[in-house]
Amino acid sequence: MSESIKSFLVHMMTVYFTLVTLITAAILLLGLYMEPEAEFGYSAFAEPLIFAACGTLPCVVMISRHELPIKAYIRRKIMQLILIELLVIWVSGARIEDGSALQFAISILVIFLCAHGISWLQECYAARQMTADLIRLQEKAGGV
């Protein structure tokens, strides 16, 4: 398996588990606010897993052989968000007429932004770590 495929699969798994966590938190917060007396069975544990899969699948629109220019990157991110919105709302069965689709859409947008914020923080940390490693390597090579 090529390094780029492995890297993409690792990224997809990271996105998936980040989404599971964020979706679970969103369901908890919205549920406590909207229906605090509701109780669910064990099947409710599947929803965050299913919704996270729906949020992960549209990541394929970001696949590119080369680095994308910023405009193309932003267009693909918008397309990815729209696909996620449509897929999750369709899978959830939310209805436009009772307002649940709008609540889902807003929740999806917030989760999308949070997931990208977490991803950005992870990438910043990794970049700082690589920079520190390179500086140590240069100092070590210069001292030989």
N, C-alpha and C. Protein backbone atom coordinates (compact mmCIF):
# COMPACT_ATOMS: atom_id res chain seq x y z
N MET A 1 0.85 -1.18 0.00
CA MET A 1 0.00 0.00 0.00
C MET A 1 0.89 1.24 0.00
N SER A 2 0.59 2.18 -0.88
CA SER A 2 1.43 3.36 -0.98
C SER A 2 1.28 4.25 0.25
N GLU A 3 2.29 5.07 0.47
CA GLU A 3 2.32 5.96 1.63
C GLU A 3 1.17 6.96 1.61
N SER A 4 0.81 7.46 0.42
CA SER A 4 -0.28 8.44 0.35
C SER A 4 -1.62 7.80 0.70
N ILE A 5 -1.82 6.55 0.30
CA ILE A 5 -3.07 5.85 0.63
C ILE A 5 -3.13 5.60 2.13
N LYS A 6 -2.00 5.15 2.71
CA LYS A 6 -1.95 4.93 4.16
C LYS A 6 -2.23 6.22 4.91
N SER A 7 -1.62 7.28 4.47
CA SER A 7 -1.80 8.59 5.11
C SER A 7 -3.26 9.03 5.01
N PHE A 8 -3.89 8.82 3.86
CA PHE A 8 -5.29 9.19 3.69
C PHE A 8 -6.18 8.36 4.59
N LEU A 9 -5.92 7.06 4.69
CA LEU A 9 -6.72 6.18 5.54
C LEU A 9 -6.58 6.55 7.02
N VAL A 10 -5.38 6.89 7.43
CA VAL A 10 -5.16 7.34 8.81
C VAL A 10 -5.92 8.63 9.06
N HIS A 11 -5.88 9.53 8.09
CA HIS A 11 -6.63 10.79 8.20
C HIS A 11 -8.13 10.52 8.32
N MET A 12 -8.64 9.61 7.49
CA MET A 12 -10.07 9.27 7.53
C MET A 12 -10.46 8.69 8.88
N MET A 13 -9.62 7.83 9.44
CA MET A 13 -9.92 7.24 10.76
C MET A 13 -9.90 8.31 11.84
N THR A 14 -8.96 9.23 11.75
CA THR A 14 -8.88 10.32 12.72
C THR A 14 -10.13 11.18 12.63
N VAL A 15 -10.54 11.51 11.42
CA VAL A 15 -11.75 12.31 11.21
C VAL A 15 -12.96 11.56 11.76
N TYR A 16 -13.05 10.26 11.48
CA TYR A 16 -14.19 9.46 11.92
C TYR A 16 -14.33 9.50 13.44
N PHE A 17 -13.24 9.21 14.15
CA PHE A 17 -13.34 9.16 15.61
C PHE A 17 -13.51 10.54 16.23
N THR A 18 -12.98 11.56 15.60
CA THR A 18 -13.24 12.94 16.06
C THR A 18 -14.72 13.25 15.90
N LEU A 19 -15.29 12.86 14.76
CA LEU A 19 -16.71 13.10 14.52
C LEU A 19 -17.59 12.33 15.49
N VAL A 20 -17.25 11.08 15.78
CA VAL A 20 -18.04 10.29 16.73
C VAL A 20 -18.10 11.02 18.07
N THR A 21 -16.97 11.52 18.52
CA THR A 21 -16.92 12.24 19.79
C THR A 21 -17.75 13.52 19.74
N LEU A 22 -17.56 14.32 18.70
CA LEU A 22 -18.30 15.58 18.59
C LEU A 22 -19.80 15.35 18.42
N ILE A 23 -20.18 14.36 17.64
CA ILE A 23 -21.60 14.06 17.43
C ILE A 23 -22.24 13.57 18.73
N THR A 24 -21.54 12.74 19.46
CA THR A 24 -22.06 12.27 20.75
C THR A 24 -22.28 13.45 21.70
N ALA A 25 -21.33 14.38 21.74
CA ALA A 25 -21.48 15.57 22.59
C ALA A 25 -22.66 16.42 22.12
N ALA A 26 -22.82 16.58 20.80
CA ALA A 26 -23.93 17.38 20.27
C ALA A 26 -25.28 16.74 20.60
N ILE A 27 -25.36 15.42 20.46
CA ILE A 27 -26.61 14.72 20.79
C ILE A 27 -26.92 14.90 22.27
N LEU A 28 -25.92 14.78 23.11
CA LEU A 28 -26.11 14.97 24.55
C LEU A 28 -26.62 16.38 24.86
N LEU A 29 -25.94 17.39 24.33
CA LEU A 29 -26.32 18.77 24.62
C LEU A 29 -27.71 19.11 24.07
N LEU A 30 -27.96 18.74 22.82
CA LEU A 30 -29.27 19.02 22.24
C LEU A 30 -30.37 18.24 22.95
N GLY A 31 -30.08 17.00 23.29
CA GLY A 31 -31.07 16.18 23.99
C GLY A 31 -31.39 16.72 25.37
N LEU A 32 -30.37 17.14 26.11
CA LEU A 32 -30.61 17.70 27.44
C LEU A 32 -31.41 19.00 27.35
N TYR A 33 -31.20 19.76 26.30
CA TYR A 33 -31.89 21.03 26.12
C TYR A 33 -33.33 20.82 25.63
N MET A 34 -33.50 19.95 24.64
CA MET A 34 -34.80 19.83 23.98
C MET A 34 -35.72 18.78 24.61
N GLU A 35 -35.17 17.66 25.02
CA GLU A 35 -35.98 16.59 25.60
C GLU A 35 -35.24 15.93 26.77
N PRO A 36 -35.08 16.64 27.88
CA PRO A 36 -34.29 16.10 28.99
C PRO A 36 -34.88 14.83 29.62
N GLU A 37 -36.16 14.61 29.46
CA GLU A 37 -36.79 13.44 30.07
C GLU A 37 -36.74 12.19 29.19
N ALA A 38 -36.28 12.31 27.96
CA ALA A 38 -36.26 11.18 27.02
C ALA A 38 -35.25 10.12 27.47
N GLU A 39 -35.61 8.87 27.22
CA GLU A 39 -34.72 7.74 27.50
C GLU A 39 -34.62 6.89 26.24
N PHE A 40 -33.44 6.29 26.04
CA PHE A 40 -33.20 5.51 24.83
C PHE A 40 -32.66 4.14 25.19
N GLY A 41 -32.78 3.24 24.24
CA GLY A 41 -32.21 1.91 24.39
C GLY A 41 -30.79 1.88 23.83
N TYR A 42 -30.23 0.71 23.78
CA TYR A 42 -28.86 0.55 23.31
C TYR A 42 -28.68 0.91 21.84
N SER A 43 -29.75 0.86 21.07
CA SER A 43 -29.65 1.19 19.65
C SER A 43 -29.26 2.66 19.45
N ALA A 44 -29.48 3.50 20.44
CA ALA A 44 -29.10 4.92 20.33
C ALA A 44 -27.59 5.09 20.22
N PHE A 45 -26.82 4.12 20.69
CA PHE A 45 -25.36 4.20 20.59
C PHE A 45 -24.89 4.11 19.14
N ALA A 46 -25.72 3.58 18.26
CA ALA A 46 -25.33 3.44 16.85
C ALA A 46 -25.40 4.75 16.09
N GLU A 47 -26.26 5.67 16.52
CA GLU A 47 -26.43 6.91 15.77
C GLU A 47 -25.14 7.70 15.56
N PRO A 48 -24.35 7.96 16.61
CA PRO A 48 -23.11 8.71 16.36
C PRO A 48 -22.17 7.97 15.40
N LEU A 49 -22.16 6.65 15.46
CA LEU A 49 -21.30 5.87 14.55
C LEU A 49 -21.77 6.02 13.11
N ILE A 50 -23.08 5.96 12.90
CA ILE A 50 -23.64 6.08 11.55
C ILE A 50 -23.46 7.50 11.02
N PHE A 51 -23.77 8.50 11.85
CA PHE A 51 -23.63 9.89 11.41
C PHE A 51 -22.17 10.23 11.13
N ALA A 52 -21.24 9.69 11.93
CA ALA A 52 -19.81 9.95 11.69
C ALA A 52 -19.38 9.32 10.36
N ALA A 53 -19.90 8.15 10.04
CA ALA A 53 -19.59 7.53 8.75
C ALA A 53 -20.11 8.41 7.61
N CYS A 54 -21.31 8.97 7.79
CA CYS A 54 -21.87 9.89 6.79
C CYS A 54 -21.01 11.15 6.66
N GLY A 55 -20.41 11.58 7.75
CA GLY A 55 -19.55 12.76 7.72
C GLY A 55 -18.17 12.47 7.16
N THR A 56 -17.77 11.21 7.21
CA THR A 56 -16.43 10.84 6.74
C THR A 56 -16.43 10.53 5.24
N LEU A 57 -17.48 9.94 4.74
CA LEU A 57 -17.52 9.54 3.32
C LEU A 57 -17.25 10.69 2.36
N PRO A 58 -17.83 11.88 2.56
CA PRO A 58 -17.56 12.97 1.61
C PRO A 58 -16.12 13.49 1.63
N CYS A 59 -15.26 12.95 2.48
CA CYS A 59 -13.84 13.33 2.46
C CYS A 59 -13.19 12.99 1.12
N VAL A 60 -13.81 12.09 0.37
CA VAL A 60 -13.23 11.69 -0.91
C VAL A 60 -13.19 12.85 -1.91
N VAL A 61 -14.03 13.88 -1.72
CA VAL A 61 -13.97 15.02 -2.64
C VAL A 61 -12.68 15.81 -2.46
N MET A 62 -11.96 15.57 -1.38
CA MET A 62 -10.71 16.29 -1.12
C MET A 62 -9.49 15.57 -1.71
N ILE A 63 -9.70 14.37 -2.26
CA ILE A 63 -8.58 13.62 -2.84
C ILE A 63 -8.10 14.34 -4.10
N SER A 64 -6.79 14.53 -4.18
CA SER A 64 -6.19 15.18 -5.33
C SER A 64 -4.76 14.66 -5.47
N ARG A 65 -4.31 14.54 -6.70
CA ARG A 65 -2.93 14.08 -6.94
C ARG A 65 -1.91 15.16 -6.59
N HIS A 66 -2.30 16.42 -6.67
CA HIS A 66 -1.39 17.51 -6.35
C HIS A 66 -2.01 18.39 -5.28
N GLU A 67 -1.22 19.28 -4.75
CA GLU A 67 -1.72 20.25 -3.78
C GLU A 67 -2.69 21.19 -4.48
N LEU A 68 -3.83 21.40 -3.85
CA LEU A 68 -4.87 22.23 -4.46
C LEU A 68 -4.60 23.72 -4.22
N PRO A 69 -4.86 24.55 -5.24
CA PRO A 69 -4.82 26.00 -5.01
C PRO A 69 -5.91 26.35 -3.98
N ILE A 70 -5.76 27.46 -3.30
CA ILE A 70 -6.67 27.82 -2.22
C ILE A 70 -8.12 27.91 -2.67
N LYS A 71 -8.38 28.45 -3.87
CA LYS A 71 -9.76 28.55 -4.35
C LYS A 71 -10.37 27.17 -4.58
N ALA A 72 -9.61 26.27 -5.16
CA ALA A 72 -10.10 24.91 -5.40
C ALA A 72 -10.31 24.19 -4.07
N TYR A 73 -9.41 24.42 -3.12
CA TYR A 73 -9.53 23.81 -1.79
C TYR A 73 -10.82 24.27 -1.10
N ILE A 74 -11.08 25.57 -1.15
CA ILE A 74 -12.28 26.12 -0.51
C ILE A 74 -13.54 25.61 -1.21
N ARG A 75 -13.53 25.55 -2.55
CA ARG A 75 -14.67 25.01 -3.29
C ARG A 75 -14.95 23.57 -2.88
N ARG A 76 -13.90 22.78 -2.78
CA ARG A 76 -14.08 21.37 -2.41
C ARG A 76 -14.58 21.24 -0.96
N LYS A 77 -14.10 22.10 -0.08
CA LYS A 77 -14.56 22.06 1.31
C LYS A 77 -16.04 22.42 1.39
N ILE A 78 -16.47 23.40 0.61
CA ILE A 78 -17.89 23.77 0.58
C ILE A 78 -18.71 22.61 0.02
N MET A 79 -18.22 21.98 -1.04
CA MET A 79 -18.90 20.82 -1.61
C MET A 79 -18.96 19.69 -0.58
N GLN A 80 -17.89 19.49 0.15
CA GLN A 80 -17.85 18.46 1.18
C GLN A 80 -18.90 18.75 2.26
N LEU A 81 -18.99 19.99 2.71
CA LEU A 81 -19.97 20.36 3.73
C LEU A 81 -21.40 20.13 3.22
N ILE A 82 -21.67 20.52 1.99
CA ILE A 82 -23.01 20.33 1.42
C ILE A 82 -23.35 18.84 1.35
N LEU A 83 -22.40 18.03 0.91
CA LEU A 83 -22.63 16.58 0.84
C LEU A 83 -22.89 15.99 2.22
N ILE A 84 -22.12 16.44 3.21
CA ILE A 84 -22.32 15.95 4.58
C ILE A 84 -23.71 16.35 5.07
N GLU A 85 -24.07 17.61 4.86
CA GLU A 85 -25.40 18.09 5.28
C GLU A 85 -26.50 17.23 4.67
N LEU A 86 -26.45 17.05 3.35
CA LEU A 86 -27.49 16.28 2.67
C LEU A 86 -27.53 14.83 3.13
N LEU A 87 -26.38 14.22 3.24
CA LEU A 87 -26.31 12.80 3.63
C LEU A 87 -26.82 12.58 5.04
N VAL A 88 -26.38 13.39 5.99
CA VAL A 88 -26.80 13.20 7.38
C VAL A 88 -28.29 13.51 7.54
N ILE A 89 -28.76 14.57 6.92
CA ILE A 89 -30.19 14.89 7.03
C ILE A 89 -31.04 13.79 6.39
N TRP A 90 -30.58 13.26 5.26
CA TRP A 90 -31.31 12.17 4.61
C TRP A 90 -31.34 10.92 5.48
N VAL A 91 -30.18 10.54 6.03
CA VAL A 91 -30.09 9.33 6.86
C VAL A 91 -30.90 9.50 8.15
N SER A 92 -30.90 10.70 8.70
CA SER A 92 -31.61 10.94 9.96
C SER A 92 -33.12 10.97 9.77
N GLY A 93 -33.57 11.27 8.57
CA GLY A 93 -35.00 11.38 8.33
C GLY A 93 -35.58 12.69 8.85
N ALA A 94 -34.72 13.67 9.08
CA ALA A 94 -35.19 14.97 9.57
C ALA A 94 -36.10 15.61 8.53
N ARG A 95 -37.08 16.35 9.01
CA ARG A 95 -38.04 16.98 8.12
C ARG A 95 -37.90 18.49 8.13
N ILE A 96 -38.03 19.09 6.97
CA ILE A 96 -37.93 20.54 6.85
C ILE A 96 -39.14 21.21 7.52
N GLU A 97 -40.32 20.61 7.36
CA GLU A 97 -41.53 21.26 7.86
C GLU A 97 -41.60 21.37 9.38
N ASP A 98 -40.99 20.47 10.12
CA ASP A 98 -41.04 20.58 11.59
C ASP A 98 -39.78 21.26 12.17
N GLY A 99 -38.89 21.70 11.31
CA GLY A 99 -37.71 22.43 11.77
C GLY A 99 -36.53 21.56 12.18
N SER A 100 -36.71 20.25 12.20
CA SER A 100 -35.60 19.39 12.64
C SER A 100 -34.45 19.39 11.64
N ALA A 101 -34.75 19.58 10.36
CA ALA A 101 -33.68 19.62 9.35
C ALA A 101 -32.79 20.84 9.57
N LEU A 102 -33.39 21.96 9.95
CA LEU A 102 -32.61 23.17 10.22
C LEU A 102 -31.72 22.97 11.45
N GLN A 103 -32.26 22.35 12.48
CA GLN A 103 -31.46 22.06 13.68
C GLN A 103 -30.30 21.13 13.33
N PHE A 104 -30.57 20.12 12.53
CA PHE A 104 -29.51 19.21 12.10
C PHE A 104 -28.46 19.97 11.30
N ALA A 105 -28.91 20.82 10.37
CA ALA A 105 -27.98 21.55 9.51
C ALA A 105 -27.06 22.44 10.34
N ILE A 106 -27.61 23.13 11.33
CA ILE A 106 -26.79 23.99 12.19
C ILE A 106 -25.82 23.15 13.01
N SER A 107 -26.31 22.05 13.57
CA SER A 107 -25.43 21.16 14.35
C SER A 107 -24.30 20.61 13.49
N ILE A 108 -24.63 20.23 12.26
CA ILE A 108 -23.62 19.68 11.35
C ILE A 108 -22.56 20.74 11.04
N LEU A 109 -22.99 21.97 10.81
CA LEU A 109 -22.05 23.05 10.53
C LEU A 109 -21.11 23.27 11.73
N VAL A 110 -21.67 23.32 12.93
CA VAL A 110 -20.84 23.52 14.13
C VAL A 110 -19.86 22.37 14.30
N ILE A 111 -20.32 21.14 14.11
CA ILE A 111 -19.44 19.97 14.24
C ILE A 111 -18.37 20.00 13.15
N PHE A 112 -18.74 20.36 11.93
CA PHE A 112 -17.79 20.47 10.81
C PHE A 112 -16.67 21.46 11.17
N LEU A 113 -17.07 22.63 11.67
CA LEU A 113 -16.08 23.64 12.04
C LEU A 113 -15.21 23.19 13.22
N CYS A 114 -15.81 22.55 14.21
CA CYS A 114 -15.03 22.04 15.36
C CYS A 114 -14.04 20.96 14.92
N ALA A 115 -14.50 20.05 14.07
CA ALA A 115 -13.62 18.98 13.59
C ALA A 115 -12.44 19.56 12.82
N HIS A 116 -12.69 20.59 12.01
CA HIS A 116 -11.60 21.21 11.26
C HIS A 116 -10.68 22.00 12.18
N GLY A 117 -11.23 22.59 13.22
CA GLY A 117 -10.39 23.28 14.22
C GLY A 117 -9.48 22.31 14.95
N ILE A 118 -10.02 21.16 15.33
CA ILE A 118 -9.21 20.14 16.01
C ILE A 118 -8.13 19.62 15.06
N SER A 119 -8.50 19.38 13.81
CA SER A 119 -7.53 18.90 12.82
C SER A 119 -6.41 19.93 12.63
N TRP A 120 -6.78 21.21 12.56
CA TRP A 120 -5.80 22.27 12.39
C TRP A 120 -4.84 22.31 13.59
N LEU A 121 -5.37 22.16 14.81
CA LEU A 121 -4.52 22.15 16.00
C LEU A 121 -3.55 20.97 15.98
N GLN A 122 -4.03 19.80 15.56
CA GLN A 122 -3.17 18.63 15.46
C GLN A 122 -2.06 18.85 14.44
N GLU A 123 -2.39 19.45 13.30
CA GLU A 123 -1.40 19.71 12.27
C GLU A 123 -0.37 20.75 12.73
N CYS A 124 -0.82 21.77 13.46
CA CYS A 124 0.11 22.77 14.01
C CYS A 124 1.07 22.12 14.99
N TYR A 125 0.55 21.24 15.85
CA TYR A 125 1.39 20.54 16.81
C TYR A 125 2.43 19.67 16.09
N ALA A 126 1.98 18.94 15.08
CA ALA A 126 2.90 18.08 14.32
C ALA A 126 3.96 18.92 13.61
N ALA A 127 3.57 20.08 13.06
CA ALA A 127 4.54 20.95 12.38
C ALA A 127 5.57 21.49 13.37
N ARG A 128 5.12 21.90 14.56
CA ARG A 128 6.06 22.38 15.58
C ARG A 128 7.02 21.28 16.00
N GLN A 129 6.49 20.08 16.13
CA GLN A 129 7.31 18.93 16.52
C GLN A 129 8.37 18.64 15.45
N MET A 130 7.97 18.69 14.17
CA MET A 130 8.92 18.45 13.08
C MET A 130 9.99 19.54 13.04
N THR A 131 9.57 20.77 13.26
CA THR A 131 10.53 21.89 13.26
C THR A 131 11.54 21.71 14.38
N ALA A 132 11.08 21.34 15.55
CA ALA A 132 11.98 21.11 16.69
C ALA A 132 12.94 19.96 16.38
N ASP A 133 12.42 18.89 15.77
CA ASP A 133 13.28 17.75 15.41
C ASP A 133 14.33 18.16 14.38
N LEU A 134 13.93 18.97 13.40
CA LEU A 134 14.89 19.43 12.39
C LEU A 134 15.97 20.32 13.01
N ILE A 135 15.58 21.18 13.92
CA ILE A 135 16.57 22.05 14.59
C ILE A 135 17.56 21.20 15.38
N ARG A 136 17.06 20.20 16.10
CA ARG A 136 17.94 19.29 16.86
C ARG A 136 18.87 18.54 15.91
N LEU A 137 18.35 18.10 14.78
CA LEU A 137 19.17 17.37 13.80
C LEU A 137 20.25 18.28 13.22
N GLN A 138 19.90 19.53 12.92
CA GLN A 138 20.89 20.49 12.39
C GLN A 138 21.96 20.78 13.43
N GLU A 139 21.56 20.95 14.68
CA GLU A 139 22.54 21.22 15.74
C GLU A 139 23.47 20.03 15.92
N LYS A 140 22.90 18.84 15.85
CA LYS A 140 23.69 17.62 16.01
C LYS A 140 24.67 17.47 14.85
N ALA A 141 24.19 17.75 13.62
CA ALA A 141 25.04 17.62 12.42
C ALA A 141 26.12 18.70 12.42
N GLY A 142 25.79 19.88 12.91
CA GLY A 142 26.76 20.97 12.96
C GLY A 142 27.83 20.74 14.02
N GLY A 143 27.49 19.99 15.04
CA GLY A 143 28.42 19.74 16.14
C GLY A 143 29.34 18.57 15.90
N VAL A 144 29.17 17.86 14.77
CA VAL A 144 30.00 16.68 14.49
C VAL A 144 31.32 17.04 13.96
